[in-house]
Protein backbone atom coordinates (compact mmCIF):
# COMPACT_ATOMS: atom_id res chain seq x y z
CA UNK A 1 -6.53 4.73 14.83
CA UNK A 2 -4.16 1.73 15.45
CA UNK A 3 -4.82 2.00 19.49
CA UNK A 4 -4.78 -1.60 21.19
CA UNK A 5 -3.30 -5.21 20.52
CA UNK A 6 -1.98 -5.82 17.06
CA UNK A 7 -2.74 -9.15 15.80
CA UNK A 8 -0.92 -11.40 12.82
CA UNK A 9 -3.15 -9.78 10.44
CA UNK A 10 -2.23 -5.97 11.05
CA UNK A 11 1.32 -7.32 10.41
CA UNK A 12 0.54 -8.90 7.83
CA UNK A 13 -1.55 -6.03 6.26
CA UNK A 14 1.76 -3.64 7.43
CA UNK A 15 3.84 -5.55 5.17
CA UNK A 16 1.37 -5.69 2.08
CA UNK A 17 1.42 -2.23 2.38
CA UNK A 18 4.72 -1.35 2.56
CA UNK A 19 5.14 -3.59 -0.55
CA UNK A 20 3.09 -1.99 -2.41
CA UNK A 21 4.04 1.30 -1.34
CA UNK A 22 7.55 0.64 -2.66
CA UNK A 23 6.40 -1.16 -5.57
CA UNK A 24 4.19 1.85 -6.52
CA UNK A 25 6.87 4.88 -5.90
CA UNK A 26 9.39 2.27 -7.74
CA UNK A 27 7.29 2.72 -11.42
CA UNK A 28 6.26 5.77 -10.56
CA UNK A 29 10.29 7.10 -10.10
CA UNK A 30 10.88 5.06 -12.76
CA UNK A 31 8.13 6.98 -15.48
CA UNK A 32 9.58 10.15 -13.96
CA UNK A 33 12.97 9.99 -14.71
CA UNK A 34 13.51 7.09 -17.97
CA UNK A 35 15.15 8.40 -20.80
CA UNK A 36 14.88 5.52 -23.07
CA UNK A 37 13.14 4.64 -26.41
CA UNK A 38 9.47 5.75 -24.69
CA UNK A 39 8.55 9.05 -23.83
CA UNK A 40 6.97 8.97 -20.53
CA UNK A 41 2.98 9.42 -21.12
CA UNK A 42 3.54 5.97 -23.40
CA UNK A 43 5.18 4.18 -20.36
CA UNK A 44 2.32 5.79 -17.67
CA UNK A 45 0.09 4.14 -20.09
CA UNK A 46 1.91 0.61 -19.63
CA UNK A 47 2.19 1.11 -16.31
CA UNK A 48 -1.57 1.94 -15.85
CA UNK A 49 -1.85 -1.78 -14.18
CA UNK A 50 0.77 -1.25 -12.12
CA UNK A 51 -0.46 1.72 -10.45
CA UNK A 52 -4.34 0.69 -10.01
CA UNK A 53 -2.64 -2.87 -8.36
CA UNK A 54 -0.29 -0.79 -6.28
CA UNK A 55 -3.29 1.27 -5.09
CA UNK A 56 -6.01 -1.54 -4.21
CA UNK A 57 -2.81 -3.23 -2.20
CA UNK A 58 -2.10 -0.20 -0.19
CA UNK A 59 -5.99 -0.14 0.39
CA UNK A 60 -6.23 -3.61 1.14
CA UNK A 61 -3.12 -2.95 3.60
CA UNK A 62 -4.76 -0.69 4.98
CA UNK A 63 -8.29 -2.42 5.70
CA UNK A 64 -6.03 -5.15 7.23
CA UNK A 65 -3.83 -2.86 9.38
CA UNK A 66 -7.09 -1.33 10.65
CA UNK A 67 -9.11 -5.05 11.30
CA UNK A 68 -5.91 -6.47 12.79
CA UNK A 69 -6.14 -4.19 16.12
CA UNK A 70 -7.83 -5.78 18.89
CA UNK A 71 -9.29 -2.95 21.11
CA UNK A 72 -9.22 -3.75 24.84
CA UNK A 73 -11.73 -3.94 27.52
CA UNK A 74 -13.08 -0.34 28.74
CA UNK A 75 -13.83 0.08 32.12
CA UNK A 76 -16.76 2.79 31.89
CA UNK A 77 -17.95 3.33 35.35
C-alpha cells in the first residue's frame, strides 16, 4: 500500500496519524481507569468530541499517507 517514494505529505500524514492515535488512546485509557468524581459513562459522553476528532484525524493522516507516496514508472514490455 505504501510502496514507492515517500514525499513530505506522507511524513506529515504519518505524524498526524501518530499524534491522533496517541491522543485517542489517552482519552480512552483515562475513561477506562478514572476513579474520580464522575462515572465512566458521564466521562465518555463528555469525551465524544475528542474521540470523534481523533478518529477524523486518523482518517486524514491515513489519506495523506496514501496520497503522499509517489509511484515509480513501471516498465511493462
